[in-house]
Amino acid sequence: MPFRVRGGPTGRRTMPNYKITTESDHGRDDSDERIEFPDAKAAADDAQIALTEMARDRMPNGERARFGVEIEDEKGKRIYRASLDFKAEAGEEVERDAKAREQKKRESS
């Protein structure tokens, strides 16, 4: 049952709340704000969407970027973590890596 009874005798039902912390190359957003979700899976799904939105807002932006998100439940226990790493290569780097892969392939044959 995703809902818990709170509020004493009124029996008011509320959803669990989660603290979501985001992180990128520009720093960490560690606010104390809590967000209600029906359950931990819904919070994790929203965190994944947030990662893609963070990347979309920052790209294109160079050769590397890192984004992360972490979720804590109502007790402060970390229950979910996800990250998205972006790395771009062009020109000589691509050629060098292709040659290294070919060499490795020949050596393993």
PDB file of N, CA and C in Angstrom:
ATOM      1  N   MET A   1       0.846  -1.179   0.000  1.00  0.00           N
ATOM      2  CA  MET A   1       0.000   0.000   0.000  1.00  0.00           C
ATOM      3  C   MET A   1       0.889   1.240   0.000  1.00  0.00           C
ATOM      4  N   PRO A   2       0.873   2.032  -1.078  1.00  0.00           N
ATOM      5  CA  PRO A   2       1.783   3.159  -1.178  1.00  0.00           C
ATOM      6  C   PRO A   2       1.426   4.331  -0.270  1.00  0.00           C
ATOM      7  N   PHE A   3       0.185   4.447   0.172  1.00  0.00           N
ATOM      8  CA  PHE A   3      -0.209   5.577   1.008  1.00  0.00           C
ATOM      9  C   PHE A   3      -0.149   5.181   2.468  1.00  0.00           C
ATOM     10  N   ARG A   4       0.182   6.177   3.278  1.00  0.00           N
ATOM     11  CA  ARG A   4       0.210   5.940   4.719  1.00  0.00           C
ATOM     12  C   ARG A   4      -0.756   6.909   5.383  1.00  0.00           C
ATOM     13  N   VAL A   5      -1.376   6.453   6.409  1.00  0.00           N
ATOM     14  CA  VAL A   5      -2.320   7.304   7.134  1.00  0.00           C
ATOM     15  C   VAL A   5      -1.534   8.235   8.042  1.00  0.00           C
ATOM     16  N   ARG A   6      -1.831   9.523   7.952  1.00  0.00           N
ATOM     17  CA  ARG A   6      -1.185  10.533   8.791  1.00  0.00           C
ATOM     18  C   ARG A   6      -2.231  11.530   9.248  1.00  0.00           C
ATOM     19  N   GLY A   7      -1.813  12.371  10.127  1.00  0.00           N
ATOM     20  CA  GLY A   7      -2.681  13.473  10.521  1.00  0.00           C
ATOM     21  C   GLY A   7      -3.603  13.137  11.665  1.00  0.00           C
ATOM     22  N   GLY A   8      -3.323  12.085  12.393  1.00  0.00           N
ATOM     23  CA  GLY A   8      -4.101  11.766  13.582  1.00  0.00           C
ATOM     24  C   GLY A   8      -5.510  11.319  13.276  1.00  0.00           C
ATOM     25  N   PRO A   9      -6.469  11.765  14.072  1.00  0.00           N
ATOM     26  CA  PRO A   9      -7.826  11.236  13.986  1.00  0.00           C
ATOM     27  C   PRO A   9      -8.541  11.543  12.675  1.00  0.00           C
ATOM     28  N   THR A  10      -8.082  12.531  11.930  1.00  0.00           N
ATOM     29  CA  THR A  10      -8.787  12.851  10.685  1.00  0.00           C
ATOM     30  C   THR A  10      -8.586  11.762   9.648  1.00  0.00           C
ATOM     31  N   GLY A  11      -7.501  10.985   9.779  1.00  0.00           N
ATOM     32  CA  GLY A  11      -7.241   9.920   8.822  1.00  0.00           C
ATOM     33  C   GLY A  11      -6.823  10.441   7.459  1.00  0.00           C
ATOM     34  N   ARG A  12      -6.351  11.676   7.416  1.00  0.00           N
ATOM     35  CA  ARG A  12      -5.911  12.262   6.142  1.00  0.00           C
ATOM     36  C   ARG A  12      -4.814  11.400   5.535  1.00  0.00           C
ATOM     37  N   ARG A  13      -4.917  11.079   4.256  1.00  0.00           N
ATOM     38  CA  ARG A  13      -3.942  10.231   3.586  1.00  0.00           C
ATOM     39  C   ARG A  13      -2.993  11.104   2.776  1.00  0.00           C
ATOM     40  N   THR A  14      -1.690  10.861   2.940  1.00  0.00           N
ATOM     41  CA  THR A  14      -0.703  11.587   2.154  1.00  0.00           C
ATOM     42  C   THR A  14       0.265  10.591   1.558  1.00  0.00           C
ATOM     43  N   MET A  15       0.937  11.007   0.529  1.00  0.00           N
ATOM     44  CA  MET A  15       1.935  10.156  -0.106  1.00  0.00           C
ATOM     45  C   MET A  15       3.262  10.307   0.623  1.00  0.00           C
ATOM     46  N   PRO A  16       4.114   9.291   0.497  1.00  0.00           N
ATOM     47  CA  PRO A  16       5.458   9.420   1.066  1.00  0.00           C
ATOM     48  C   PRO A  16       6.221  10.537   0.358  1.00  0.00           C
ATOM     49  N   ASN A  17       7.144  11.154   1.064  1.00  0.00           N
ATOM     50  CA  ASN A  17       7.933  12.205   0.420  1.00  0.00           C
ATOM     51  C   ASN A  17       9.397  11.786   0.363  1.00  0.00           C
ATOM     52  N   TYR A  18      10.062  12.299  -0.652  1.00  0.00           N
ATOM     53  CA  TYR A  18      11.441  11.919  -0.950  1.00  0.00           C
ATOM     54  C   TYR A  18      12.270  13.171  -1.167  1.00  0.00           C
ATOM     55  N   LYS A  19      13.514  13.088  -0.762  1.00  0.00           N
ATOM     56  CA  LYS A  19      14.460  14.170  -1.021  1.00  0.00           C
ATOM     57  C   LYS A  19      15.267  13.783  -2.254  1.00  0.00           C
ATOM     58  N   ILE A  20      15.296  14.666  -3.231  1.00  0.00           N
ATOM     59  CA  ILE A  20      16.029  14.409  -4.469  1.00  0.00           C
ATOM     60  C   ILE A  20      17.178  15.396  -4.567  1.00  0.00           C
ATOM     61  N   THR A  21      18.377  14.869  -4.722  1.00  0.00           N
ATOM     62  CA  THR A  21      19.573  15.692  -4.860  1.00  0.00           C
ATOM     63  C   THR A  21      20.129  15.491  -6.259  1.00  0.00           C
ATOM     64  N   THR A  22      20.386  16.590  -6.958  1.00  0.00           N
ATOM     65  CA  THR A  22      20.970  16.501  -8.295  1.00  0.00           C
ATOM     66  C   THR A  22      22.391  17.027  -8.258  1.00  0.00           C
ATOM     67  N   GLU A  23      23.184  16.543  -9.207  1.00  0.00           N
ATOM     68  CA  GLU A  23      24.583  16.943  -9.276  1.00  0.00           C
ATOM     69  C   GLU A  23      25.017  16.986 -10.735  1.00  0.00           C
ATOM     70  N   SER A  24      25.845  17.968 -11.047  1.00  0.00           N
ATOM     71  CA  SER A  24      26.430  18.055 -12.386  1.00  0.00           C
ATOM     72  C   SER A  24      27.818  18.660 -12.254  1.00  0.00           C
ATOM     73  N   ASP A  25      28.449  18.884 -13.379  1.00  0.00           N
ATOM     74  CA  ASP A  25      29.761  19.514 -13.375  1.00  0.00           C
ATOM     75  C   ASP A  25      29.715  20.909 -12.747  1.00  0.00           C
ATOM     76  N   HIS A  26      28.533  21.483 -12.693  1.00  0.00           N
ATOM     77  CA  HIS A  26      28.365  22.829 -12.144  1.00  0.00           C
ATOM     78  C   HIS A  26      28.082  22.829 -10.646  1.00  0.00           C
ATOM     79  N   GLY A  27      28.016  21.658 -10.036  1.00  0.00           N
ATOM     80  CA  GLY A  27      27.807  21.600  -8.597  1.00  0.00           C
ATOM     81  C   GLY A  27      26.660  20.702  -8.195  1.00  0.00           C
ATOM     82  N   ARG A  28      26.345  20.787  -6.917  1.00  0.00           N
ATOM     83  CA  ARG A  28      25.344  19.911  -6.311  1.00  0.00           C
ATOM     84  C   ARG A  28      24.181  20.751  -5.807  1.00  0.00           C
ATOM     85  N   ASP A  29      22.959  20.314  -6.095  1.00  0.00           N
ATOM     86  CA  ASP A  29      21.755  20.961  -5.579  1.00  0.00           C
ATOM     87  C   ASP A  29      21.242  20.077  -4.450  1.00  0.00           C
ATOM     88  N   ASP A  30      21.548  20.476  -3.233  1.00  0.00           N
ATOM     89  CA  ASP A  30      21.258  19.664  -2.060  1.00  0.00           C
ATOM     90  C   ASP A  30      20.252  20.377  -1.164  1.00  0.00           C
ATOM     91  N   SER A  31      19.105  20.736  -1.729  1.00  0.00           N
ATOM     92  CA  SER A  31      18.102  21.451  -0.935  1.00  0.00           C
ATOM     93  C   SER A  31      17.396  20.473  -0.001  1.00  0.00           C
ATOM     94  N   ASP A  32      16.759  21.002   1.002  1.00  0.00           N
ATOM     95  CA  ASP A  32      16.023  20.163   1.953  1.00  0.00           C
ATOM     96  C   ASP A  32      14.577  19.947   1.523  1.00  0.00           C
ATOM     97  N   GLU A  33      14.223  20.449   0.346  1.00  0.00           N
ATOM     98  CA  GLU A  33      12.859  20.300  -0.139  1.00  0.00           C
ATOM     99  C   GLU A  33      12.546  18.829  -0.380  1.00  0.00           C
ATOM    100  N   ARG A  34      11.359  18.431  -0.009  1.00  0.00           N
ATOM    101  CA  ARG A  34      10.915  17.056  -0.208  1.00  0.00           C
ATOM    102  C   ARG A  34       9.742  17.061  -1.181  1.00  0.00           C
ATOM    103  N   ILE A  35       9.664  16.010  -1.979  1.00  0.00           N
ATOM    104  CA  ILE A  35       8.632  15.910  -2.998  1.00  0.00           C
ATOM    105  C   ILE A  35       7.836  14.630  -2.757  1.00  0.00           C
ATOM    106  N   GLU A  36       6.528  14.726  -2.878  1.00  0.00           N
ATOM    107  CA  GLU A  36       5.674  13.556  -2.693  1.00  0.00           C
ATOM    108  C   GLU A  36       5.579  12.749  -3.983  1.00  0.00           C
ATOM    109  N   PHE A  37       5.675  11.434  -3.835  1.00  0.00           N
ATOM    110  CA  PHE A  37       5.463  10.485  -4.925  1.00  0.00           C
ATOM    111  C   PHE A  37       4.644   9.332  -4.374  1.00  0.00           C
ATOM    112  N   PRO A  38       3.911   8.639  -5.223  1.00  0.00           N
ATOM    113  CA  PRO A  38       3.128   7.499  -4.745  1.00  0.00           C
ATOM    114  C   PRO A  38       3.998   6.395  -4.121  1.00  0.00           C
ATOM    115  N   ASP A  39       5.203   6.216  -4.680  1.00  0.00           N
ATOM    116  CA  ASP A  39       6.098   5.179  -4.168  1.00  0.00           C
ATOM    117  C   ASP A  39       7.516   5.438  -4.671  1.00  0.00           C
ATOM    118  N   ALA A  40       8.458   4.594  -4.236  1.00  0.00           N
ATOM    119  CA  ALA A  40       9.868   4.779  -4.599  1.00  0.00           C
ATOM    120  C   ALA A  40      10.093   4.629  -6.099  1.00  0.00           C
ATOM    121  N   LYS A  41       9.356   3.742  -6.761  1.00  0.00           N
ATOM    122  CA  LYS A  41       9.531   3.568  -8.203  1.00  0.00           C
ATOM    123  C   LYS A  41       9.148   4.843  -8.953  1.00  0.00           C
ATOM    124  N   ALA A  42       8.077   5.484  -8.538  1.00  0.00           N
ATOM    125  CA  ALA A  42       7.664   6.739  -9.183  1.00  0.00           C
ATOM    126  C   ALA A  42       8.733   7.815  -8.982  1.00  0.00           C
ATOM    127  N   ALA A  43       9.336   7.856  -7.806  1.00  0.00           N
ATOM    128  CA  ALA A  43      10.412   8.818  -7.547  1.00  0.00           C
ATOM    129  C   ALA A  43      11.616   8.525  -8.439  1.00  0.00           C
ATOM    130  N   ALA A  44      11.971   7.237  -8.581  1.00  0.00           N
ATOM    131  CA  ALA A  44      13.100   6.854  -9.430  1.00  0.00           C
ATOM    132  C   ALA A  44      12.817   7.169 -10.895  1.00  0.00           C
ATOM    133  N   ASP A  45      11.601   6.912 -11.337  1.00  0.00           N
ATOM    134  CA  ASP A  45      11.232   7.236 -12.724  1.00  0.00           C
ATOM    135  C   ASP A  45      11.387   8.731 -12.982  1.00  0.00           C
ATOM    136  N   ASP A  46      10.936   9.538 -12.048  1.00  0.00           N
ATOM    137  CA  ASP A  46      11.052  10.991 -12.193  1.00  0.00           C
ATOM    138  C   ASP A  46      12.515  11.425 -12.190  1.00  0.00           C
ATOM    139  N   ALA A  47      13.339  10.754 -11.391  1.00  0.00           N
ATOM    140  CA  ALA A  47      14.769  11.077 -11.345  1.00  0.00           C
ATOM    141  C   ALA A  47      15.422  10.805 -12.701  1.00  0.00           C
ATOM    142  N   GLN A  48      15.029   9.716 -13.352  1.00  0.00           N
ATOM    143  CA  GLN A  48      15.581   9.406 -14.672  1.00  0.00           C
ATOM    144  C   GLN A  48      15.191  10.477 -15.689  1.00  0.00           C
ATOM    145  N   ILE A  49      13.969  10.931 -15.620  1.00  0.00           N
ATOM    146  CA  ILE A  49      13.522  12.007 -16.513  1.00  0.00           C
ATOM    147  C   ILE A  49      14.325  13.271 -16.233  1.00  0.00           C
ATOM    148  N   ALA A  50      14.561  13.558 -14.952  1.00  0.00           N
ATOM    149  CA  ALA A  50      15.337  14.745 -14.584  1.00  0.00           C
ATOM    150  C   ALA A  50      16.746  14.682 -15.174  1.00  0.00           C
ATOM    151  N   LEU A  51      17.356  13.496 -15.176  1.00  0.00           N
ATOM    152  CA  LEU A  51      18.700  13.352 -15.763  1.00  0.00           C
ATOM    153  C   LEU A  51      18.699  13.731 -17.238  1.00  0.00           C
ATOM    154  N   THR A  52      17.717  13.250 -17.976  1.00  0.00           N
ATOM    155  CA  THR A  52      17.684  13.564 -19.408  1.00  0.00           C
ATOM    156  C   THR A  52      17.427  15.053 -19.630  1.00  0.00           C
ATOM    157  N   GLU A  53      16.612  15.662 -18.779  1.00  0.00           N
ATOM    158  CA  GLU A  53      16.352  17.103 -18.910  1.00  0.00           C
ATOM    159  C   GLU A  53      17.594  17.922 -18.572  1.00  0.00           C
ATOM    160  N   MET A  54      18.341  17.487 -17.564  1.00  0.00           N
ATOM    161  CA  MET A  54      19.581  18.185 -17.226  1.00  0.00           C
ATOM    162  C   MET A  54      20.542  18.141 -18.406  1.00  0.00           C
ATOM    163  N   ALA A  55      20.666  16.978 -19.029  1.00  0.00           N
ATOM    164  CA  ALA A  55      21.568  16.832 -20.172  1.00  0.00           C
ATOM    165  C   ALA A  55      21.094  17.696 -21.340  1.00  0.00           C
ATOM    166  N   ARG A  56      19.800  17.661 -21.618  1.00  0.00           N
ATOM    167  CA  ARG A  56      19.263  18.448 -22.730  1.00  0.00           C
ATOM    168  C   ARG A  56      19.510  19.940 -22.520  1.00  0.00           C
ATOM    169  N   ASP A  57      19.363  20.396 -21.293  1.00  0.00           N
ATOM    170  CA  ASP A  57      19.557  21.819 -21.010  1.00  0.00           C
ATOM    171  C   ASP A  57      21.013  22.251 -21.147  1.00  0.00           C
ATOM    172  N   ARG A  58      21.949  21.339 -20.947  1.00  0.00           N
ATOM    173  CA  ARG A  58      23.374  21.692 -20.971  1.00  0.00           C
ATOM    174  C   ARG A  58      24.071  21.380 -22.287  1.00  0.00           C
ATOM    175  N   MET A  59      23.477  20.561 -23.138  1.00  0.00           N
ATOM    176  CA  MET A  59      24.155  20.139 -24.356  1.00  0.00           C
ATOM    177  C   MET A  59      23.719  21.005 -25.521  1.00  0.00           C
ATOM    178  N   PRO A  60      24.521  21.190 -26.561  1.00  0.00           N
ATOM    179  CA  PRO A  60      25.923  20.800 -26.619  1.00  0.00           C
ATOM    180  C   PRO A  60      26.769  21.750 -25.784  1.00  0.00           C
ATOM    181  N   ASN A  61      27.798  21.187 -25.198  1.00  0.00           N
ATOM    182  CA  ASN A  61      28.552  21.985 -24.253  1.00  0.00           C
ATOM    183  C   ASN A  61      30.022  21.571 -24.180  1.00  0.00           C
ATOM    184  N   GLY A  62      30.503  20.881 -25.153  1.00  0.00           N
ATOM    185  CA  GLY A  62      31.903  20.478 -25.102  1.00  0.00           C
ATOM    186  C   GLY A  62      32.059  18.978 -25.198  1.00  0.00           C
ATOM    187  N   GLU A  63      33.146  18.494 -24.617  1.00  0.00           N
ATOM    188  CA  GLU A  63      33.493  17.093 -24.790  1.00  0.00           C
ATOM    189  C   GLU A  63      33.058  16.193 -23.646  1.00  0.00           C
ATOM    190  N   ARG A  64      32.823  16.758 -22.473  1.00  0.00           N
ATOM    191  CA  ARG A  64      32.468  15.921 -21.322  1.00  0.00           C
ATOM    192  C   ARG A  64      31.419  16.602 -20.454  1.00  0.00           C
ATOM    193  N   ALA A  65      30.566  15.764 -19.886  1.00  0.00           N
ATOM    194  CA  ALA A  65      29.592  16.259 -18.918  1.00  0.00           C
ATOM    195  C   ALA A  65      29.153  15.072 -18.063  1.00  0.00           C
ATOM    196  N   ARG A  66      28.854  15.353 -16.811  1.00  0.00           N
ATOM    197  CA  ARG A  66      28.388  14.316 -15.902  1.00  0.00           C
ATOM    198  C   ARG A  66      27.197  14.849 -15.125  1.00  0.00           C
ATOM    199  N   PHE A  67      26.184  14.001 -15.010  1.00  0.00           N
ATOM    200  CA  PHE A  67      24.969  14.361 -14.301  1.00  0.00           C
ATOM    201  C   PHE A  67      24.620  13.218 -13.349  1.00  0.00           C
ATOM    202  N   GLY A  68      24.108  13.563 -12.193  1.00  0.00           N
ATOM    203  CA  GLY A  68      23.738  12.536 -11.239  1.00  0.00           C
ATOM    204  C   GLY A  68      22.522  12.944 -10.438  1.00  0.00           C
ATOM    205  N   VAL A  69      21.853  11.936  -9.899  1.00  0.00           N
ATOM    206  CA  VAL A  69      20.690  12.169  -9.048  1.00  0.00           C
ATOM    207  C   VAL A  69      20.668  11.092  -7.966  1.00  0.00           C
ATOM    208  N   GLU A  70      20.228  11.501  -6.791  1.00  0.00           N
ATOM    209  CA  GLU A  70      20.164  10.577  -5.655  1.00  0.00           C
ATOM    210  C   GLU A  70      18.854  10.830  -4.914  1.00  0.00           C
ATOM    211  N   ILE A  71      18.237   9.748  -4.426  1.00  0.00           N
ATOM    212  CA  ILE A  71      16.959   9.869  -3.722  1.00  0.00           C
ATOM    213  C   ILE A  71      17.095   9.297  -2.318  1.00  0.00           C
ATOM    214  N   GLU A  72      16.534  10.038  -1.360  1.00  0.00           N
ATOM    215  CA  GLU A  72      16.452   9.571   0.023  1.00  0.00           C
ATOM    216  C   GLU A  72      14.979   9.440   0.402  1.00  0.00           C
ATOM    217  N   ASP A  73      14.672   8.408   1.160  1.00  0.00           N
ATOM    218  CA  ASP A  73      13.297   8.251   1.624  1.00  0.00           C
ATOM    219  C   ASP A  73      13.041   9.148   2.837  1.00  0.00           C
ATOM    220  N   GLU A  74      11.879   8.988   3.438  1.00  0.00           N
ATOM    221  CA  GLU A  74      11.490   9.854   4.565  1.00  0.00           C
ATOM    222  C   GLU A  74      12.390   9.702   5.780  1.00  0.00           C
ATOM    223  N   LYS A  75      13.050   8.573   5.887  1.00  0.00           N
ATOM    224  CA  LYS A  75      13.936   8.327   7.026  1.00  0.00           C
ATOM    225  C   LYS A  75      15.369   8.790   6.755  1.00  0.00           C
ATOM    226  N   GLY A  76      15.607   9.320   5.554  1.00  0.00           N
ATOM    227  CA  GLY A  76      16.945   9.773   5.195  1.00  0.00           C
ATOM    228  C   GLY A  76      17.819   8.681   4.607  1.00  0.00           C
ATOM    229  N   LYS A  77      17.243   7.513   4.353  1.00  0.00           N
ATOM    230  CA  LYS A  77      17.989   6.391   3.770  1.00  0.00           C
ATOM    231  C   LYS A  77      18.077   6.580   2.257  1.00  0.00           C
ATOM    232  N   ARG A  78      19.285   6.460   1.719  1.00  0.00           N
ATOM    233  CA  ARG A  78      19.458   6.556   0.266  1.00  0.00           C
ATOM    234  C   ARG A  78      18.881   5.295  -0.364  1.00  0.00           C
ATOM    235  N   ILE A  79      17.937   5.515  -1.289  1.00  0.00           N
ATOM    236  CA  ILE A  79      17.264   4.371  -1.891  1.00  0.00           C
ATOM    237  C   ILE A  79      17.490   4.254  -3.396  1.00  0.00           C
ATOM    238  N   TYR A  80      18.064   5.285  -4.007  1.00  0.00           N
ATOM    239  CA  TYR A  80      18.250   5.245  -5.463  1.00  0.00           C
ATOM    240  C   TYR A  80      19.342   6.219  -5.855  1.00  0.00           C
ATOM    241  N   ARG A  81      20.132   5.808  -6.837  1.00  0.00           N
ATOM    242  CA  ARG A  81      21.164   6.684  -7.392  1.00  0.00           C
ATOM    243  C   ARG A  81      21.301   6.358  -8.875  1.00  0.00           C
ATOM    244  N   ALA A  82      21.444   7.384  -9.691  1.00  0.00           N
ATOM    245  CA  ALA A  82      21.651   7.196 -11.124  1.00  0.00           C
ATOM    246  C   ALA A  82      22.562   8.298 -11.636  1.00  0.00           C
ATOM    247  N   SER A  83      23.295   7.987 -12.703  1.00  0.00           N
ATOM    248  CA  SER A  83      24.155   9.008 -13.303  1.00  0.00           C
ATOM    249  C   SER A  83      24.155   8.847 -14.815  1.00  0.00           C
ATOM    250  N   LEU A  84      24.532   9.914 -15.461  1.00  0.00           N
ATOM    251  CA  LEU A  84      24.617   9.957 -16.908  1.00  0.00           C
ATOM    252  C   LEU A  84      25.928  10.640 -17.248  1.00  0.00           C
ATOM    253  N   ASP A  85      26.798   9.927 -17.945  1.00  0.00           N
ATOM    254  CA  ASP A  85      28.096  10.473 -18.326  1.00  0.00           C
ATOM    255  C   ASP A  85      28.139  10.648 -19.837  1.00  0.00           C
ATOM    256  N   PHE A  86      28.591  11.813 -20.255  1.00  0.00           N
ATOM    257  CA  PHE A  86      28.697  12.120 -21.678  1.00  0.00           C
ATOM    258  C   PHE A  86      30.165  12.357 -22.010  1.00  0.00           C
ATOM    259  N   LYS A  87      30.613  11.713 -23.080  1.00  0.00           N
ATOM    260  CA  LYS A  87      31.980  11.924 -23.554  1.00  0.00           C
ATOM    261  C   LYS A  87      31.945  11.969 -25.080  1.00  0.00           C
ATOM    262  N   ALA A  88      32.507  13.015 -25.631  1.00  0.00           N
ATOM    263  CA  ALA A  88      32.553  13.164 -27.083  1.00  0.00           C
ATOM    264  C   ALA A  88      34.001  13.161 -27.545  1.00  0.00           C
ATOM    265  N   GLU A  89      34.232  12.558 -28.690  1.00  0.00           N
ATOM    266  CA  GLU A  89      35.563  12.553 -29.284  1.00  0.00           C
ATOM    267  C   GLU A  89      35.422  12.928 -30.754  1.00  0.00           C
ATOM    268  N   ALA A  90      36.446  13.572 -31.276  1.00  0.00           N
ATOM    269  CA  ALA A  90      36.426  13.977 -32.678  1.00  0.00           C
ATOM    270  C   ALA A  90      37.831  13.896 -33.259  1.00  0.00           C
ATOM    271  N   GLY A  91      37.889  13.851 -34.561  1.00  0.00           N
ATOM    272  CA  GLY A  91      39.162  13.937 -35.275  1.00  0.00           C
ATOM    273  C   GLY A  91      40.168  12.885 -34.883  1.00  0.00           C
ATOM    274  N   GLU A  92      41.329  13.328 -34.454  1.00  0.00           N
ATOM    275  CA  GLU A  92      42.451  12.443 -34.148  1.00  0.00           C
ATOM    276  C   GLU A  92      42.129  11.448 -33.029  1.00  0.00           C
ATOM    277  N   GLU A  93      41.324  11.875 -32.063  1.00  0.00           N
ATOM    278  CA  GLU A  93      40.962  10.967 -30.971  1.00  0.00           C
ATOM    279  C   GLU A  93      40.198   9.757 -31.497  1.00  0.00           C
ATOM    280  N   VAL A  94      39.288   9.988 -32.429  1.00  0.00           N
ATOM    281  CA  VAL A  94      38.495   8.899 -32.997  1.00  0.00           C
ATOM    282  C   VAL A  94      39.410   7.948 -33.772  1.00  0.00           C
ATOM    283  N   GLU A  95      40.286   8.504 -34.578  1.00  0.00           N
ATOM    284  CA  GLU A  95      41.225   7.676 -35.342  1.00  0.00           C
ATOM    285  C   GLU A  95      42.129   6.866 -34.422  1.00  0.00           C
ATOM    286  N   ARG A  96      42.671   7.502 -33.405  1.00  0.00           N
ATOM    287  CA  ARG A  96      43.568   6.832 -32.466  1.00  0.00           C
ATOM    288  C   ARG A  96      42.855   5.665 -31.765  1.00  0.00           C
ATOM    289  N   ASP A  97      41.622   5.905 -31.323  1.00  0.00           N
ATOM    290  CA  ASP A  97      40.864   4.851 -30.652  1.00  0.00           C
ATOM    291  C   ASP A  97      40.538   3.705 -31.611  1.00  0.00           C
ATOM    292  N   ALA A  98      40.226   4.025 -32.855  1.00  0.00           N
ATOM    293  CA  ALA A  98      39.926   2.980 -33.846  1.00  0.00           C
ATOM    294  C   ALA A  98      41.168   2.126 -34.090  1.00  0.00           C
ATOM    295  N   LYS A  99      42.325   2.749 -34.202  1.00  0.00           N
ATOM    296  CA  LYS A  99      43.564   1.998 -34.403  1.00  0.00           C
ATOM    297  C   LYS A  99      43.872   1.121 -33.185  1.00  0.00           C
ATOM    298  N   ALA A 100      43.645   1.637 -32.004  1.00  0.00           N
ATOM    299  CA  ALA A 100      43.899   0.870 -30.781  1.00  0.00           C
ATOM    300  C   ALA A 100      42.971  -0.337 -30.706  1.00  0.00           C
ATOM    301  N   ARG A 101      41.713  -0.179 -31.094  1.00  0.00           N
ATOM    302  CA  ARG A 101      40.775  -1.311 -31.103  1.00  0.00           C
ATOM    303  C   ARG A 101      41.198  -2.362 -32.114  1.00  0.00           C
ATOM    304  N   GLU A 102      41.616  -1.914 -33.285  1.00  0.00           N
ATOM    305  CA  GLU A 102      42.089  -2.851 -34.317  1.00  0.00           C
ATOM    306  C   GLU A 102      43.310  -3.624 -33.831  1.00  0.00           C
ATOM    307  N   GLN A 103      44.245  -2.940 -33.202  1.00  0.00           N
ATOM    308  CA  GLN A 103      45.442  -3.583 -32.671  1.00  0.00           C
ATOM    309  C   GLN A 103      45.076  -4.619 -31.614  1.00  0.00           C
ATOM    310  N   LYS A 104      44.185  -4.262 -30.736  1.00  0.00           N
ATOM    311  CA  LYS A 104      43.740  -5.173 -29.669  1.00  0.00           C
ATOM    312  C   LYS A 104      43.052  -6.392 -30.278  1.00  0.00           C
ATOM    313  N   LYS A 105      42.260  -6.167 -31.314  1.00  0.00           N
ATOM    314  CA  LYS A 105      41.561  -7.260 -31.990  1.00  0.00           C
ATOM    315  C   LYS A 105      42.551  -8.223 -32.619  1.00  0.00           C
ATOM    316  N   ARG A 106      43.583  -7.699 -33.267  1.00  0.00           N
ATOM    317  CA  ARG A 106      44.613  -8.535 -33.892  1.00  0.00           C
ATOM    318  C   ARG A 106      45.377  -9.339 -32.832  1.00  0.00           C
ATOM    319  N   GLU A 107      45.672  -8.706 -31.702  1.00  0.00           N
ATOM    320  CA  GLU A 107      46.428  -9.376 -30.646  1.00  0.00           C
ATOM    321  C   GLU A 107      45.629 -10.502 -29.987  1.00  0.00           C
ATOM    322  N   SER A 108      44.316 -10.361 -29.941  1.00  0.00           N
ATOM    323  CA  SER A 108      43.496 -11.398 -29.304  1.00  0.00           C
ATOM    324  C   SER A 108      43.163 -12.546 -30.259  1.00  0.00           C
ATOM    325  N   SER A 109      43.465 -12.379 -31.530  1.00  0.00           N
ATOM    326  CA  SER A 109      43.163 -13.435 -32.520  1.00  0.00           C
ATOM    327  C   SER A 109      44.249 -14.490 -32.567  1.00  0.00           C
TER     328      SER A 109
END
